[in-house]
Amino acid sequence: MIRFGTHELWQRTRRELMAPTGAFHKGEWMDSGDDPDLSPAVFLIEMGPQLVANPHFHRNNQFQVFLKGSGSIGVHELGPVTVHYAGAYTGYGPLKASDEGLWYFTMRPVLEAGAQYLPESRDQVVKGPKRQATGEVSRRANTDELKSLGDLATETVIAAADDKLAASVTRVPPDRSFVAGDPAGSGGQFFVVLSGEMLVGERRLHEWEQVFVSADEKPFEVQAGAEGLEVLFLQFPLKAPEYEEAWAQLHAQAQS
C-alpha cells in the first residue's frame, strides 16, 4: 500500500474542536479508511497559546512531528522540527503549548479515534513493553542550500533500532533520487516533505505533504524536484503481540 497526504485534504477537513482544557483545530492530511490492520492516517493539530493536553496513551504506535511554535512534552522541550515516538499503550505528556501555540502532525499506520487519558483510564492499560523516543532535526535547509548541494546528506533523528524504529532527515540535490531502506519487517514508513519538492510519478508533493509505504512494498525511491528536497523519514516498529491481540478484541467487540 502507498498512500498520500495532501494540503488539499487538510484545507477541506480543518475544523475547531474542544478538549478538556480548551479549543484547538484539527485537520486530516491522509485518510485511508478504517481497516483495523492497515489504514495509515495523518492529522494536524493546532494548539492555541498555553493549551494543555493531559497525560494519555493510544492503542497503536505513533509518531508526532512538531512543525510550528513551541512547547513541551513531559520534560522535553519542543520546537520545529522535533520528532516524538510513542509505542502503543505508552503513556506520555502532558503536552503543553507555549504563548506562541504549537502545531504538530500525529501519524499512525492504523486509524484510531480519541485518546485514553491518565489516570482515569489506567485500568485500560494492557501489560507489555512501554516505549518513547524523541529526536530533533538540527537545522532546516532553505531552497538556496538545497540547490547548491553537491551530494545527499542524511542526519539521524532517532537512531535505528533492531525492531526497525528509526527517524532521519535527508537533503537531496535537485533532480536527484535515492532508494530508502527496505520496509519489510517494519510497521510501515512515512516520508514527509520539509522543504523543496518530491516527485512520485505524476504527483508533486510540497511542504508538509507525505507518502506512506507499507511493509509489503518494495523499497521506496525518493525523487527530488528541480528545487531539491529535504525529506523526513519515519519508520515504525511492529506492534507488540499482546497489543495486537488487545486491539483485535476491541475491534471485534465494536463490530458485535
Protein backbone atom coordinates (compact mmCIF):
# COMPACT_ATOMS: atom_id res chain seq x y z
CA MET A 1 0.00 0.00 0.00
CA ILE A 2 1.14 3.51 -0.89
CA ARG A 3 -0.94 6.46 0.31
CA PHE A 4 -0.52 10.23 0.04
CA GLY A 5 -1.17 13.03 2.50
CA THR A 6 -2.07 16.37 0.94
CA HIS A 7 -2.53 20.02 1.81
CA GLU A 8 -5.78 20.00 -0.13
CA LEU A 9 -7.35 17.40 2.18
CA TRP A 10 -6.30 19.42 5.22
CA GLN A 11 -7.97 22.54 3.81
CA ARG A 12 -11.24 20.61 3.37
CA THR A 13 -11.24 18.96 6.78
CA ARG A 14 -9.80 21.60 9.15
CA ARG A 15 -12.26 22.36 11.98
CA GLU A 16 -12.37 23.56 15.57
CA LEU A 17 -12.79 21.01 18.36
CA MET A 18 -12.95 21.12 22.13
CA ALA A 19 -10.54 19.38 24.51
CA PRO A 20 -10.89 19.18 28.29
CA THR A 21 -8.55 22.18 28.56
CA GLY A 22 -9.79 24.30 25.65
CA ALA A 23 -10.36 24.64 21.90
CA PHE A 24 -7.96 23.52 19.16
CA HIS A 25 -8.03 22.92 15.41
CA LYS A 26 -7.68 19.56 13.68
CA GLY A 27 -7.48 18.61 10.02
CA GLU A 28 -6.70 15.36 8.20
CA TRP A 29 -3.85 15.16 5.70
CA MET A 30 -4.16 11.43 4.97
CA ASP A 31 -7.36 9.37 5.13
CA SER A 32 -7.12 5.67 4.24
CA GLY A 33 -10.36 4.36 5.68
CA ASP A 34 -10.72 2.44 8.92
CA ASP A 35 -9.28 -1.03 8.31
CA PRO A 36 -8.15 -2.29 11.75
CA ASP A 37 -4.91 -3.76 10.37
CA LEU A 38 -3.69 -1.08 7.95
CA SER A 39 -5.26 2.35 7.49
CA PRO A 40 -2.47 4.97 7.61
CA ALA A 41 -3.67 8.28 8.98
CA VAL A 42 -2.16 11.73 9.43
CA PHE A 43 -3.77 14.73 11.06
CA LEU A 44 -2.52 18.16 12.05
CA ILE A 45 -3.28 19.55 15.50
CA GLU A 46 -3.10 23.32 16.05
CA MET A 47 -2.88 24.03 19.76
CA GLY A 48 -3.53 27.61 20.80
CA PRO A 49 -1.37 29.55 23.28
CA GLN A 50 -0.95 27.79 26.64
CA LEU A 51 -3.26 24.91 25.70
CA VAL A 52 -2.51 21.66 27.53
CA ALA A 53 -3.22 18.05 26.55
CA ASN A 54 -3.24 15.99 29.73
CA PRO A 55 -1.21 12.74 30.01
CA HIS A 56 -2.73 9.96 27.93
CA PHE A 57 -2.00 6.91 25.76
CA HIS A 58 -3.14 5.39 22.49
CA ARG A 59 -3.63 1.78 21.46
CA ASN A 60 -1.40 1.98 18.38
CA ASN A 61 2.17 3.05 17.67
CA GLN A 62 2.51 6.67 16.59
CA PHE A 63 4.90 9.42 15.61
CA GLN A 64 4.29 13.09 16.35
CA VAL A 65 6.17 15.67 14.30
CA PHE A 66 6.25 19.19 15.78
CA LEU A 67 6.34 21.72 12.96
CA LYS A 68 5.44 25.18 14.24
CA GLY A 69 5.50 27.05 17.53
CA SER A 70 6.97 25.67 20.73
CA GLY A 71 6.06 23.87 23.94
CA SER A 72 6.93 20.75 25.87
CA ILE A 73 6.02 17.09 26.18
CA GLY A 74 6.83 15.83 29.64
CA VAL A 75 10.34 17.11 30.34
CA HIS A 76 11.25 17.54 26.65
CA GLU A 77 11.18 20.98 25.03
CA LEU A 78 9.53 21.08 21.60
CA GLY A 79 10.07 23.18 18.50
CA PRO A 80 10.40 22.81 14.73
CA VAL A 81 11.27 20.06 13.90
CA THR A 82 11.02 17.69 16.89
CA VAL A 83 10.03 14.04 16.39
CA HIS A 84 8.40 12.04 19.20
CA TYR A 85 7.62 8.34 19.06
CA ALA A 86 5.22 6.67 21.50
CA GLY A 87 4.51 2.96 21.35
CA ALA A 88 1.05 1.52 21.86
CA TYR A 89 -0.23 1.76 25.44
CA THR A 90 2.69 4.02 26.42
CA GLY A 91 1.53 6.99 28.47
CA TYR A 92 3.06 10.39 27.68
CA GLY A 93 2.51 14.04 28.46
CA PRO A 94 1.35 16.46 29.48
CA LEU A 95 1.69 18.15 26.11
CA LYS A 96 1.86 21.92 26.60
CA ALA A 97 1.85 24.77 24.09
CA SER A 98 3.79 27.96 24.76
CA ASP A 99 2.49 31.51 24.26
CA GLU A 100 3.00 31.08 20.50
CA GLY A 101 0.97 27.87 20.28
CA LEU A 102 2.10 24.52 18.90
CA TRP A 103 1.32 22.72 15.63
CA TYR A 104 2.09 19.05 15.10
CA PHE A 105 1.30 16.01 13.00
CA THR A 106 0.10 12.77 14.54
CA MET A 107 0.94 9.85 12.24
CA ARG A 108 -0.16 6.24 12.67
CA PRO A 109 -0.24 3.16 10.41
CA VAL A 110 -3.73 2.37 11.74
CA LEU A 111 -6.63 4.78 12.21
CA GLU A 112 -7.54 5.32 15.86
CA ALA A 113 -10.02 7.81 17.28
CA GLY A 114 -9.53 9.59 20.58
CA ALA A 115 -7.12 9.36 23.49
CA GLN A 116 -7.20 7.41 26.75
CA TYR A 117 -6.47 9.93 29.50
CA LEU A 118 -4.49 9.16 32.62
CA PRO A 119 -5.02 8.38 35.39
CA GLU A 120 -8.73 7.98 34.54
CA SER A 121 -8.09 5.16 32.01
CA ARG A 122 -5.33 3.38 33.87
CA ASP A 123 -7.49 0.25 34.09
CA GLN A 124 -7.45 0.05 30.27
CA VAL A 125 -3.66 -0.15 30.02
CA VAL A 126 -2.53 -3.52 28.67
CA LYS A 127 0.62 -5.09 30.12
CA GLY A 128 3.52 -5.11 27.69
CA PRO A 129 6.59 -3.11 26.59
CA LYS A 130 6.36 0.67 27.02
CA ARG A 131 8.47 2.87 24.78
CA GLN A 132 9.12 6.51 23.89
CA ALA A 133 11.85 8.17 21.83
CA THR A 134 12.47 11.82 20.99
CA GLY A 135 14.84 13.47 18.50
CA GLU A 136 15.28 16.79 16.79
CA VAL A 137 16.27 17.92 13.30
CA SER A 138 19.32 20.07 13.99
CA ARG A 139 18.57 22.65 11.32
CA ARG A 140 16.30 23.37 8.37
CA ALA A 141 17.62 23.70 4.83
CA ASN A 142 16.33 26.55 2.66
CA THR A 143 15.86 26.38 -1.10
CA ASP A 144 19.20 28.03 -1.88
CA GLU A 145 21.05 25.46 0.23
CA LEU A 146 19.22 22.56 -1.39
CA LYS A 147 20.02 23.87 -4.87
CA SER A 148 23.71 24.12 -4.02
CA LEU A 149 24.07 20.63 -2.53
CA GLY A 150 26.74 18.51 -4.16
CA ASP A 151 25.54 15.21 -2.75
CA LEU A 152 22.97 13.59 -0.47
CA ALA A 153 23.26 14.44 3.22
CA THR A 154 21.45 12.36 5.87
CA GLU A 155 21.05 13.22 9.55
CA THR A 156 19.90 10.76 12.20
CA VAL A 157 16.95 11.97 14.29
CA ILE A 158 16.12 8.75 16.17
CA ALA A 159 18.79 6.06 15.85
CA ALA A 160 17.73 2.92 14.01
CA ALA A 161 16.87 0.08 16.40
CA ASP A 162 16.81 -3.69 15.93
CA ASP A 163 12.99 -3.66 15.78
CA LYS A 164 13.05 -1.16 12.85
CA LEU A 165 12.17 2.03 14.77
CA ALA A 166 14.03 4.87 13.02
CA ALA A 167 13.80 8.53 12.04
CA SER A 168 16.12 10.58 9.87
CA VAL A 169 16.17 13.56 7.53
CA THR A 170 17.81 13.54 4.09
CA ARG A 171 18.69 16.57 1.99
CA VAL A 172 18.68 15.78 -1.71
CA PRO A 173 20.18 17.87 -4.55
CA PRO A 174 17.86 18.97 -7.38
CA ASP A 175 16.65 16.18 -9.68
CA ARG A 176 18.49 13.50 -7.68
CA SER A 177 16.99 10.44 -6.07
CA PHE A 178 17.78 7.74 -3.55
CA VAL A 179 16.21 4.43 -2.52
CA ALA A 180 15.08 4.28 1.09
CA GLY A 181 15.59 1.30 3.37
CA ASP A 182 13.55 -1.84 2.84
CA PRO A 183 10.24 -1.59 4.76
CA ALA A 184 9.99 -5.39 5.17
CA GLY A 185 9.61 -6.35 8.81
CA SER A 186 8.60 -2.85 9.89
CA GLY A 187 5.22 -1.36 10.73
CA GLY A 188 5.39 0.90 7.66
CA GLN A 189 7.17 4.10 6.65
CA PHE A 190 6.23 7.76 6.28
CA PHE A 191 8.09 10.31 4.17
CA VAL A 192 7.34 13.97 4.97
CA VAL A 193 8.43 16.88 2.77
CA LEU A 194 10.05 19.54 4.94
CA SER A 195 11.44 21.71 2.12
CA GLY A 196 11.58 21.64 -1.67
CA GLU A 197 9.60 19.20 -3.79
CA MET A 198 9.24 15.41 -4.02
CA LEU A 199 8.13 13.72 -7.22
CA VAL A 200 6.14 10.47 -7.15
CA GLY A 201 5.04 9.55 -10.65
CA GLU A 202 2.87 12.43 -11.85
CA ARG A 203 2.46 13.79 -8.32
CA ARG A 204 4.38 16.76 -6.97
CA LEU A 205 4.46 16.91 -3.18
CA HIS A 206 5.33 20.11 -1.36
CA GLU A 207 5.93 21.31 2.18
CA TRP A 208 4.39 19.04 4.87
CA GLU A 209 2.83 16.62 2.36
CA GLN A 210 3.52 12.93 2.93
CA VAL A 211 3.80 9.43 1.50
CA PHE A 212 3.07 6.22 3.44
CA VAL A 213 4.70 2.95 2.32
CA SER A 214 3.51 -0.32 3.85
CA ALA A 215 5.83 -3.17 4.82
CA ASP A 216 4.87 -5.32 1.81
CA GLU A 217 6.02 -2.70 -0.72
CA LYS A 218 9.45 -2.64 -2.35
CA PRO A 219 11.98 -0.04 -1.09
CA PHE A 220 10.65 3.41 -1.97
CA GLU A 221 12.54 5.67 -4.38
CA VAL A 222 12.62 9.27 -3.18
CA GLN A 223 12.92 11.69 -6.11
CA ALA A 224 13.71 15.40 -5.65
CA GLY A 225 12.29 18.07 -7.91
CA ALA A 226 14.12 20.98 -9.52
CA GLU A 227 14.40 22.82 -6.17
CA GLY A 228 15.93 19.90 -4.29
CA LEU A 229 14.31 18.18 -1.34
CA GLU A 230 14.52 17.94 2.43
CA VAL A 231 12.57 14.86 3.50
CA LEU A 232 11.84 13.37 6.92
CA PHE A 233 11.81 9.57 7.10
CA LEU A 234 9.85 7.81 9.86
CA GLN A 235 9.77 4.04 10.26
CA PHE A 236 7.52 2.17 12.68
CA PRO A 237 8.38 -0.99 14.54
CA LEU A 238 5.79 -3.74 14.61
CA LYS A 239 3.24 -3.51 17.39
CA ALA A 240 3.87 -5.89 20.29
CA PRO A 241 1.84 -9.14 20.00
CA GLU A 242 -0.07 -8.54 23.26
CA TYR A 243 -1.20 -5.15 21.95
CA GLU A 244 -2.22 -6.63 18.60
CA GLU A 245 -4.38 -9.13 20.44
CA ALA A 246 -5.98 -6.44 22.61
CA TRP A 247 -6.65 -4.28 19.52
CA ALA A 248 -8.27 -7.19 17.68
CA GLN A 249 -10.51 -7.95 20.66
CA LEU A 250 -11.53 -4.30 20.93
CA HIS A 251 -12.40 -4.15 17.24
CA ALA A 252 -14.38 -7.42 17.44
CA GLN A 253 -16.40 -6.05 20.36
CA ALA A 254 -17.15 -2.88 18.43
CA GLN A 255 -18.45 -4.93 15.49
CA SER A 256 -20.66 -7.23 17.60
